[in-house]
PDB file of N, CA and C in Angstrom:
ATOM      1  N   MET A   1      11.323  21.190  16.151  1.00  0.00           N
ATOM      2  CA  MET A   1      11.181  19.823  15.694  1.00  0.00           C
ATOM      3  C   MET A   1      10.551  19.007  16.820  1.00  0.00           C
ATOM      4  N   ALA A   2       9.500  18.291  16.484  1.00  0.00           N
ATOM      5  CA  ALA A   2       8.838  17.448  17.461  1.00  0.00           C
ATOM      6  C   ALA A   2       9.650  16.173  17.679  1.00  0.00           C
ATOM      7  N   ILE A   3       9.582  15.659  18.879  1.00  0.00           N
ATOM      8  CA  ILE A   3      10.301  14.427  19.221  1.00  0.00           C
ATOM      9  C   ILE A   3       9.297  13.424  19.756  1.00  0.00           C
ATOM     10  N   LYS A   4       9.454  12.170  19.362  1.00  0.00           N
ATOM     11  CA  LYS A   4       8.587  11.085  19.813  1.00  0.00           C
ATOM     12  C   LYS A   4       9.439  10.003  20.442  1.00  0.00           C
ATOM     13  N   THR A   5       9.099   9.581  21.643  1.00  0.00           N
ATOM     14  CA  THR A   5       9.824   8.512  22.322  1.00  0.00           C
ATOM     15  C   THR A   5       9.172   7.183  21.971  1.00  0.00           C
ATOM     16  N   ILE A   6       9.995   6.189  21.624  1.00  0.00           N
ATOM     17  CA  ILE A   6       9.472   4.856  21.305  1.00  0.00           C
ATOM     18  C   ILE A   6      10.189   3.819  22.160  1.00  0.00           C
ATOM     19  N   SER A   7       9.569   2.666  22.286  1.00  0.00           N
ATOM     20  CA  SER A   7      10.190   1.544  23.003  1.00  0.00           C
ATOM     21  C   SER A   7      10.571   0.481  21.993  1.00  0.00           C
ATOM     22  N   LEU A   8      11.750  -0.084  22.163  1.00  0.00           N
ATOM     23  CA  LEU A   8      12.221  -1.159  21.294  1.00  0.00           C
ATOM     24  C   LEU A   8      12.619  -2.341  22.159  1.00  0.00           C
ATOM     25  N   GLU A   9      12.419  -3.511  21.626  1.00  0.00           N
ATOM     26  CA  GLU A   9      12.956  -4.687  22.292  1.00  0.00           C
ATOM     27  C   GLU A   9      14.467  -4.647  22.107  1.00  0.00           C
ATOM     28  N   LEU A  10      15.194  -5.296  22.997  1.00  0.00           N
ATOM     29  CA  LEU A  10      16.651  -5.200  23.020  1.00  0.00           C
ATOM     30  C   LEU A  10      17.285  -5.617  21.696  1.00  0.00           C
ATOM     31  N   ASP A  11      16.793  -6.682  21.072  1.00  0.00           N
ATOM     32  CA  ASP A  11      17.388  -7.123  19.804  1.00  0.00           C
ATOM     33  C   ASP A  11      17.179  -6.084  18.704  1.00  0.00           C
ATOM     34  N   ALA A  12      16.023  -5.413  18.689  1.00  0.00           N
ATOM     35  CA  ALA A  12      15.776  -4.382  17.691  1.00  0.00           C
ATOM     36  C   ALA A  12      16.686  -3.172  17.937  1.00  0.00           C
ATOM     37  N   TYR A  13      16.882  -2.817  19.198  1.00  0.00           N
ATOM     38  CA  TYR A  13      17.769  -1.708  19.536  1.00  0.00           C
ATOM     39  C   TYR A  13      19.196  -2.006  19.086  1.00  0.00           C
ATOM     40  N   GLU A  14      19.675  -3.218  19.346  1.00  0.00           N
ATOM     41  CA  GLU A  14      21.035  -3.598  18.958  1.00  0.00           C
ATOM     42  C   GLU A  14      21.203  -3.565  17.442  1.00  0.00           C
ATOM     43  N   ARG A  15      20.178  -4.012  16.733  1.00  0.00           N
ATOM     44  CA  ARG A  15      20.233  -3.998  15.270  1.00  0.00           C
ATOM     45  C   ARG A  15      20.280  -2.557  14.753  1.00  0.00           C
ATOM     46  N   LEU A  16      19.482  -1.697  15.343  1.00  0.00           N
ATOM     47  CA  LEU A  16      19.478  -0.291  14.954  1.00  0.00           C
ATOM     48  C   LEU A  16      20.821   0.359  15.270  1.00  0.00           C
ATOM     49  N   LYS A  17      21.369   0.028  16.421  1.00  0.00           N
ATOM     50  CA  LYS A  17      22.655   0.582  16.850  1.00  0.00           C
ATOM     51  C   LYS A  17      23.774   0.162  15.885  1.00  0.00           C
ATOM     52  N   ARG A  18      23.752  -1.120  15.457  1.00  0.00           N
ATOM     53  CA  ARG A  18      24.767  -1.610  14.512  1.00  0.00           C
ATOM     54  C   ARG A  18      24.653  -0.943  13.147  1.00  0.00           C
ATOM     55  N   ALA A  19      23.458  -0.468  12.809  1.00  0.00           N
ATOM     56  CA  ALA A  19      23.239   0.154  11.502  1.00  0.00           C
ATOM     57  C   ALA A  19      23.745   1.590  11.444  1.00  0.00           C
ATOM     58  N   LYS A  20      24.068   2.170  12.605  1.00  0.00           N
ATOM     59  CA  LYS A  20      24.557   3.555  12.624  1.00  0.00           C
ATOM     60  C   LYS A  20      25.908   3.658  11.941  1.00  0.00           C
ATOM     61  N   ARG A  21      26.111   4.789  11.264  1.00  0.00           N
ATOM     62  CA  ARG A  21      27.381   5.070  10.596  1.00  0.00           C
ATOM     63  C   ARG A  21      28.028   6.247  11.315  1.00  0.00           C
ATOM     64  N   GLY A  22      29.115   5.973  12.003  1.00  0.00           N
ATOM     65  CA  GLY A  22      29.811   7.040  12.725  1.00  0.00           C
ATOM     66  C   GLY A  22      28.929   7.667  13.790  1.00  0.00           C
ATOM     67  N   LYS A  23      28.787   8.985  13.733  1.00  0.00           N
ATOM     68  CA  LYS A  23      27.985   9.700  14.725  1.00  0.00           C
ATOM     69  C   LYS A  23      26.557   9.942  14.252  1.00  0.00           C
ATOM     70  N   GLU A  24      26.110   9.142  13.310  1.00  0.00           N
ATOM     71  CA  GLU A  24      24.757   9.258  12.765  1.00  0.00           C
ATOM     72  C   GLU A  24      23.725   9.042  13.870  1.00  0.00           C
ATOM     73  N   SER A  25      22.644   9.789  13.822  1.00  0.00           N
ATOM     74  CA  SER A  25      21.580   9.640  14.819  1.00  0.00           C
ATOM     75  C   SER A  25      20.700   8.439  14.479  1.00  0.00           C
ATOM     76  N   PHE A  26      19.947   7.986  15.472  1.00  0.00           N
ATOM     77  CA  PHE A  26      18.999   6.896  15.222  1.00  0.00           C
ATOM     78  C   PHE A  26      17.945   7.353  14.205  1.00  0.00           C
ATOM     79  N   SER A  27      17.548   8.620  14.273  1.00  0.00           N
ATOM     80  CA  SER A  27      16.570   9.144  13.308  1.00  0.00           C
ATOM     81  C   SER A  27      17.107   9.025  11.885  1.00  0.00           C
ATOM     82  N   ALA A  28      18.386   9.349  11.691  1.00  0.00           N
ATOM     83  CA  ALA A  28      18.988   9.253  10.358  1.00  0.00           C
ATOM     84  C   ALA A  28      19.021   7.806   9.881  1.00  0.00           C
ATOM     85  N   VAL A  29      19.288   6.873  10.788  1.00  0.00           N
ATOM     86  CA  VAL A  29      19.300   5.450  10.421  1.00  0.00           C
ATOM     87  C   VAL A  29      17.910   5.029   9.959  1.00  0.00           C
ATOM     88  N   VAL A  30      16.889   5.430  10.692  1.00  0.00           N
ATOM     89  CA  VAL A  30      15.521   5.062  10.325  1.00  0.00           C
ATOM     90  C   VAL A  30      15.131   5.700   8.998  1.00  0.00           C
ATOM     91  N   ARG A  31      15.516   6.958   8.783  1.00  0.00           N
ATOM     92  CA  ARG A  31      15.213   7.620   7.504  1.00  0.00           C
ATOM     93  C   ARG A  31      15.906   6.919   6.341  1.00  0.00           C
ATOM     94  N   ARG A  32      17.072   6.382   6.583  1.00  0.00           N
ATOM     95  CA  ARG A  32      17.837   5.698   5.546  1.00  0.00           C
ATOM     96  C   ARG A  32      17.312   4.288   5.285  1.00  0.00           C
ATOM     97  N   ALA A  33      16.611   3.733   6.238  1.00  0.00           N
ATOM     98  CA  ALA A  33      16.124   2.349   6.131  1.00  0.00           C
ATOM     99  C   ALA A  33      15.094   2.222   5.017  1.00  0.00           C
ATOM    100  N   HIS A  34      15.002   1.044   4.448  1.00  0.00           N
ATOM    101  CA  HIS A  34      14.027   0.748   3.400  1.00  0.00           C
ATOM    102  C   HIS A  34      13.008  -0.235   3.965  1.00  0.00           C
ATOM    103  N   PHE A  35      11.758   0.168   3.963  1.00  0.00           N
ATOM    104  CA  PHE A  35      10.684  -0.694   4.450  1.00  0.00           C
ATOM    105  C   PHE A  35       9.798  -1.051   3.270  1.00  0.00           C
ATOM    106  N   ASP A  36       9.473  -2.329   3.121  1.00  0.00           N
ATOM    107  CA  ASP A  36       8.615  -2.760   2.025  1.00  0.00           C
ATOM    108  C   ASP A  36       7.200  -2.274   2.271  1.00  0.00           C
ATOM    109  N   ALA A  37       6.704  -1.465   1.354  1.00  0.00           N
ATOM    110  CA  ALA A  37       5.337  -0.981   1.444  1.00  0.00           C
ATOM    111  C   ALA A  37       4.400  -2.035   0.876  1.00  0.00           C
ATOM    112  N   PRO A  38       3.230  -2.167   1.459  1.00  0.00           N
ATOM    113  CA  PRO A  38       2.286  -3.135   0.903  1.00  0.00           C
ATOM    114  C   PRO A  38       1.831  -2.691  -0.483  1.00  0.00           C
ATOM    115  N   GLU A  39       1.568  -3.654  -1.332  1.00  0.00           N
ATOM    116  CA  GLU A  39       1.111  -3.360  -2.681  1.00  0.00           C
ATOM    117  C   GLU A  39      -0.253  -2.677  -2.592  1.00  0.00           C
ATOM    118  N   SER A  40      -0.463  -1.635  -3.362  1.00  0.00           N
ATOM    119  CA  SER A  40      -1.722  -0.907  -3.263  1.00  0.00           C
ATOM    120  C   SER A  40      -2.472  -0.827  -4.586  1.00  0.00           C
ATOM    121  N   SER A  41      -2.253  -1.802  -5.459  1.00  0.00           N
ATOM    122  CA  SER A  41      -3.007  -1.826  -6.709  1.00  0.00           C
ATOM    123  C   SER A  41      -4.431  -2.286  -6.413  1.00  0.00           C
ATOM    124  N   GLY A  42      -5.311  -2.024  -7.343  1.00  0.00           N
ATOM    125  CA  GLY A  42      -6.704  -2.441  -7.159  1.00  0.00           C
ATOM    126  C   GLY A  42      -6.835  -3.935  -6.943  1.00  0.00           C
ATOM    127  N   SER A  43      -6.092  -4.729  -7.710  1.00  0.00           N
ATOM    128  CA  SER A  43      -6.199  -6.182  -7.564  1.00  0.00           C
ATOM    129  C   SER A  43      -5.662  -6.648  -6.206  1.00  0.00           C
ATOM    130  N   ALA A  44      -4.614  -5.982  -5.705  1.00  0.00           N
ATOM    131  CA  ALA A  44      -4.083  -6.350  -4.389  1.00  0.00           C
ATOM    132  C   ALA A  44      -5.082  -6.009  -3.285  1.00  0.00           C
ATOM    133  N   ILE A  45      -5.746  -4.870  -3.435  1.00  0.00           N
ATOM    134  CA  ILE A  45      -6.748  -4.469  -2.447  1.00  0.00           C
ATOM    135  C   ILE A  45      -7.927  -5.442  -2.479  1.00  0.00           C
ATOM    136  N   LEU A  46      -8.360  -5.823  -3.692  1.00  0.00           N
ATOM    137  CA  LEU A  46      -9.455  -6.797  -3.796  1.00  0.00           C
ATOM    138  C   LEU A  46      -9.063  -8.138  -3.183  1.00  0.00           C
ATOM    139  N   ALA A  47      -7.837  -8.581  -3.436  1.00  0.00           N
ATOM    140  CA  ALA A  47      -7.381  -9.861  -2.881  1.00  0.00           C
ATOM    141  C   ALA A  47      -7.345  -9.808  -1.360  1.00  0.00           C
ATOM    142  N   GLU A  48      -6.844  -8.701  -0.814  1.00  0.00           N
ATOM    143  CA  GLU A  48      -6.795  -8.578   0.644  1.00  0.00           C
ATOM    144  C   GLU A  48      -8.198  -8.527   1.232  1.00  0.00           C
ATOM    145  N   THR A  49      -9.102  -7.813   0.563  1.00  0.00           N
ATOM    146  CA  THR A  49     -10.480  -7.726   1.029  1.00  0.00           C
ATOM    147  C   THR A  49     -11.151  -9.094   0.982  1.00  0.00           C
ATOM    148  N   ALA A  50     -10.893  -9.853  -0.090  1.00  0.00           N
ATOM    149  CA  ALA A  50     -11.453 -11.203  -0.197  1.00  0.00           C
ATOM    150  C   ALA A  50     -10.926 -12.096   0.913  1.00  0.00           C
ATOM    151  N   ALA A  51      -9.641 -11.967   1.236  1.00  0.00           N
ATOM    152  CA  ALA A  51      -9.060 -12.767   2.324  1.00  0.00           C
ATOM    153  C   ALA A  51      -9.697 -12.397   3.659  1.00  0.00           C
ATOM    154  N   LEU A  52      -9.945 -11.114   3.865  1.00  0.00           N
ATOM    155  CA  LEU A  52     -10.615 -10.683   5.098  1.00  0.00           C
ATOM    156  C   LEU A  52     -12.035 -11.234   5.158  1.00  0.00           C
ATOM    157  N   TYR A  53     -12.718 -11.229   4.008  1.00  0.00           N
ATOM    158  CA  TYR A  53     -14.072 -11.780   3.962  1.00  0.00           C
ATOM    159  C   TYR A  53     -14.050 -13.262   4.315  1.00  0.00           C
ATOM    160  N   ASP A  54     -13.111 -14.003   3.715  1.00  0.00           N
ATOM    161  CA  ASP A  54     -13.003 -15.437   3.994  1.00  0.00           C
ATOM    162  C   ASP A  54     -12.749 -15.694   5.478  1.00  0.00           C
ATOM    163  N   ALA A  55     -12.026 -14.780   6.123  1.00  0.00           N
ATOM    164  CA  ALA A  55     -11.745 -14.915   7.549  1.00  0.00           C
ATOM    165  C   ALA A  55     -12.884 -14.317   8.395  1.00  0.00           C
ATOM    166  N   LYS A  56     -13.965 -13.938   7.724  1.00  0.00           N
ATOM    167  CA  LYS A  56     -15.128 -13.323   8.373  1.00  0.00           C
ATOM    168  C   LYS A  56     -14.760 -12.029   9.097  1.00  0.00           C
ATOM    169  N   LYS A  57     -13.840 -11.265   8.483  1.00  0.00           N
ATOM    170  CA  LYS A  57     -13.414  -9.999   9.065  1.00  0.00           C
ATOM    171  C   LYS A  57     -13.554  -8.845   8.086  1.00  0.00           C
ATOM    172  N   GLY A  58     -14.188  -9.064   6.949  1.00  0.00           N
ATOM    173  CA  GLY A  58     -14.192  -8.017   5.939  1.00  0.00           C
ATOM    174  C   GLY A  58     -15.556  -7.752   5.356  1.00  0.00           C
ATOM    175  N   ALA A  59     -15.554  -7.248   4.146  1.00  0.00           N
ATOM    176  CA  ALA A  59     -16.769  -6.858   3.448  1.00  0.00           C
ATOM    177  C   ALA A  59     -17.642  -8.070   3.131  1.00  0.00           C
ATOM    178  N   PRO A  60     -18.955  -7.855   3.049  1.00  0.00           N
ATOM    179  CA  PRO A  60     -19.847  -8.965   2.717  1.00  0.00           C
ATOM    180  C   PRO A  60     -19.668  -9.413   1.264  1.00  0.00           C
ATOM    181  N   ALA A  61     -20.100 -10.618   0.971  1.00  0.00           N
ATOM    182  CA  ALA A  61     -19.958 -11.199  -0.370  1.00  0.00           C
ATOM    183  C   ALA A  61     -20.617 -10.321  -1.427  1.00  0.00           C
ATOM    184  N   LYS A  62     -21.727  -9.673  -1.096  1.00  0.00           N
ATOM    185  CA  LYS A  62     -22.419  -8.801  -2.046  1.00  0.00           C
ATOM    186  C   LYS A  62     -21.484  -7.668  -2.503  1.00  0.00           C
ATOM    187  N   THR A  63     -20.740  -7.105  -1.573  1.00  0.00           N
ATOM    188  CA  THR A  63     -19.808  -6.019  -1.899  1.00  0.00           C
ATOM    189  C   THR A  63     -18.662  -6.534  -2.762  1.00  0.00           C
ATOM    190  N   ILE A  64     -18.113  -7.693  -2.400  1.00  0.00           N
ATOM    191  CA  ILE A  64     -17.029  -8.288  -3.190  1.00  0.00           C
ATOM    192  C   ILE A  64     -17.516  -8.551  -4.614  1.00  0.00           C
ATOM    193  N   GLY A  65     -18.735  -9.076  -4.753  1.00  0.00           N
ATOM    194  CA  GLY A  65     -19.309  -9.336  -6.075  1.00  0.00           C
ATOM    195  C   GLY A  65     -19.455  -8.068  -6.892  1.00  0.00           C
ATOM    196  N   TYR A  66     -19.896  -6.996  -6.241  1.00  0.00           N
ATOM    197  CA  TYR A  66     -20.019  -5.708  -6.931  1.00  0.00           C
ATOM    198  C   TYR A  66     -18.662  -5.249  -7.451  1.00  0.00           C
ATOM    199  N   TRP A  67     -17.641  -5.335  -6.622  1.00  0.00           N
ATOM    200  CA  TRP A  67     -16.294  -4.918  -7.035  1.00  0.00           C
ATOM    201  C   TRP A  67     -15.778  -5.777  -8.185  1.00  0.00           C
ATOM    202  N   ASP A  68     -16.031  -7.079  -8.119  1.00  0.00           N
ATOM    203  CA  ASP A  68     -15.605  -7.967  -9.207  1.00  0.00           C
ATOM    204  C   ASP A  68     -16.284  -7.580 -10.520  1.00  0.00           C
ATOM    205  N   ARG A  69     -17.610  -7.302 -10.463  1.00  0.00           N
ATOM    206  CA  ARG A  69     -18.332  -6.903 -11.688  1.00  0.00           C
ATOM    207  C   ARG A  69     -17.815  -5.563 -12.212  1.00  0.00           C
ATOM    208  N   ALA A  70     -17.569  -4.619 -11.318  1.00  0.00           N
ATOM    209  CA  ALA A  70     -17.061  -3.306 -11.728  1.00  0.00           C
ATOM    210  C   ALA A  70     -15.697  -3.443 -12.393  1.00  0.00           C
ATOM    211  N   GLU A  71     -14.853  -4.304 -11.846  1.00  0.00           N
ATOM    212  CA  GLU A  71     -13.527  -4.514 -12.433  1.00  0.00           C
ATOM    213  C   GLU A  71     -13.648  -5.151 -13.825  1.00  0.00           C
ATOM    214  N   ALA A  72     -14.559  -6.106 -13.989  1.00  0.00           N
ATOM    215  CA  ALA A  72     -14.759  -6.760 -15.282  1.00  0.00           C
ATOM    216  C   ALA A  72     -15.302  -5.765 -16.307  1.00  0.00           C
ATOM    217  N   GLU A  73     -16.244  -4.925 -15.901  1.00  0.00           N
ATOM    218  CA  GLU A  73     -16.796  -3.917 -16.812  1.00  0.00           C
ATOM    219  C   GLU A  73     -15.721  -2.922 -17.237  1.00  0.00           C
ATOM    220  N   LYS A  74     -14.882  -2.538 -16.307  1.00  0.00           N
ATOM    221  CA  LYS A  74     -13.807  -1.588 -16.604  1.00  0.00           C
ATOM    222  C   LYS A  74     -12.850  -2.184 -17.633  1.00  0.00           C
ATOM    223  N   ALA A  75     -12.580  -3.472 -17.533  1.00  0.00           N
ATOM    224  CA  ALA A  75     -11.667  -4.133 -18.466  1.00  0.00           C
ATOM    225  C   ALA A  75     -12.263  -4.193 -19.873  1.00  0.00           C
ATOM    226  N   ASP A  76     -13.602  -4.217 -19.964  1.00  0.00           N
ATOM    227  CA  ASP A  76     -14.275  -4.316 -21.258  1.00  0.00           C
ATOM    228  C   ASP A  76     -14.459  -2.973 -21.954  1.00  0.00           C
ATOM    229  N   SER A  77     -14.259  -1.862 -21.259  1.00  0.00           N
ATOM    230  CA  SER A  77     -14.484  -0.557 -21.877  1.00  0.00           C
ATOM    231  C   SER A  77     -13.206   0.275 -21.825  1.00  0.00           C
ATOM    232  N   PRO A  78     -13.000   1.120 -22.850  1.00  0.00           N
ATOM    233  CA  PRO A  78     -11.795   1.952 -22.863  1.00  0.00           C
ATOM    234  C   PRO A  78     -11.849   3.003 -21.754  1.00  0.00           C
ATOM    235  N   ARG A  79     -10.680   3.391 -21.270  1.00  0.00           N
ATOM    236  CA  ARG A  79     -10.605   4.397 -20.213  1.00  0.00           C
ATOM    237  C   ARG A  79     -10.719   5.814 -20.754  1.00  0.00           C
ATOM    238  N   ILE A  80     -10.368   6.003 -22.029  1.00  0.00           N
ATOM    239  CA  ILE A  80     -10.354   7.337 -22.598  1.00  0.00           C
ATOM    240  C   ILE A  80     -11.405   7.412 -23.691  1.00  0.00           C
ATOM    241  N   SER A  81     -12.263   8.406 -23.609  1.00  0.00           N
ATOM    242  CA  SER A  81     -13.301   8.585 -24.614  1.00  0.00           C
ATOM    243  C   SER A  81     -12.700   9.141 -25.888  1.00  0.00           C
ATOM    244  N   PRO A  82     -13.305   8.822 -27.035  1.00  0.00           N
ATOM    245  CA  PRO A  82     -12.833   9.401 -28.293  1.00  0.00           C
ATOM    246  C   PRO A  82     -12.911  10.917 -28.222  1.00  0.00           C
ATOM    247  N   SER A  83     -12.001  11.601 -28.913  1.00  0.00           N
ATOM    248  CA  SER A  83     -11.955  13.050 -28.884  1.00  0.00           C
ATOM    249  C   SER A  83     -11.768  13.604 -30.291  1.00  0.00           C
ATOM    250  N   ASN A  84     -12.368  14.745 -30.558  1.00  0.00           N
ATOM    251  CA  ASN A  84     -12.205  15.415 -31.840  1.00  0.00           C
ATOM    252  C   ASN A  84     -11.128  16.471 -31.803  1.00  0.00           C
ATOM    253  N   TRP A  85     -10.439  16.639 -30.700  1.00  0.00           N
ATOM    254  CA  TRP A  85      -9.465  17.712 -30.543  1.00  0.00           C
ATOM    255  C   TRP A  85      -8.320  17.620 -31.545  1.00  0.00           C
ATOM    256  N   GLY A  86      -7.836  16.440 -31.816  1.00  0.00           N
ATOM    257  CA  GLY A  86      -6.699  16.304 -32.705  1.00  0.00           C
ATOM    258  C   GLY A  86      -7.088  16.037 -34.138  1.00  0.00           C
ATOM    259  N   GLY A  87      -8.368  15.904 -34.403  1.00  0.00           N
ATOM    260  CA  GLY A  87      -8.813  15.508 -35.732  1.00  0.00           C
ATOM    261  C   GLY A  87      -9.426  16.656 -36.519  1.00  0.00           C
ATOM    262  N   GLU A  88     -10.343  16.273 -37.400  1.00  0.00           N
ATOM    263  CA  GLU A  88     -10.992  17.236 -38.294  1.00  0.00           C
ATOM    264  C   GLU A  88     -12.005  18.055 -37.532  1.00  0.00           C
ATOM    265  N   SER A  89     -12.222  19.308 -37.993  1.00  0.00           N
ATOM    266  CA  SER A  89     -13.207  20.185 -37.367  1.00  0.00           C
ATOM    267  C   SER A  89     -14.470  20.223 -38.150  1.00  0.00           C
TER     268      SER A  89
END
């Protein structure tokens, strides 16, 4: 098993220490912890990209426009093509 050493500020260490149950290891406490994952839907990614663009840190407006058009086109067309598999032969 590989081991990684990390540095914690004192308040974070104390909080982690208080979260231990009995002789539980710090690794077990971290594995048990729940961390909020960032939303990864297409609309969330577009919103984050737009915010980066506004802050002059992201994709150019042309790219954002392309993504917006692609999303609009996708909404206008069905995702699944008609199929004859379940119907008449």
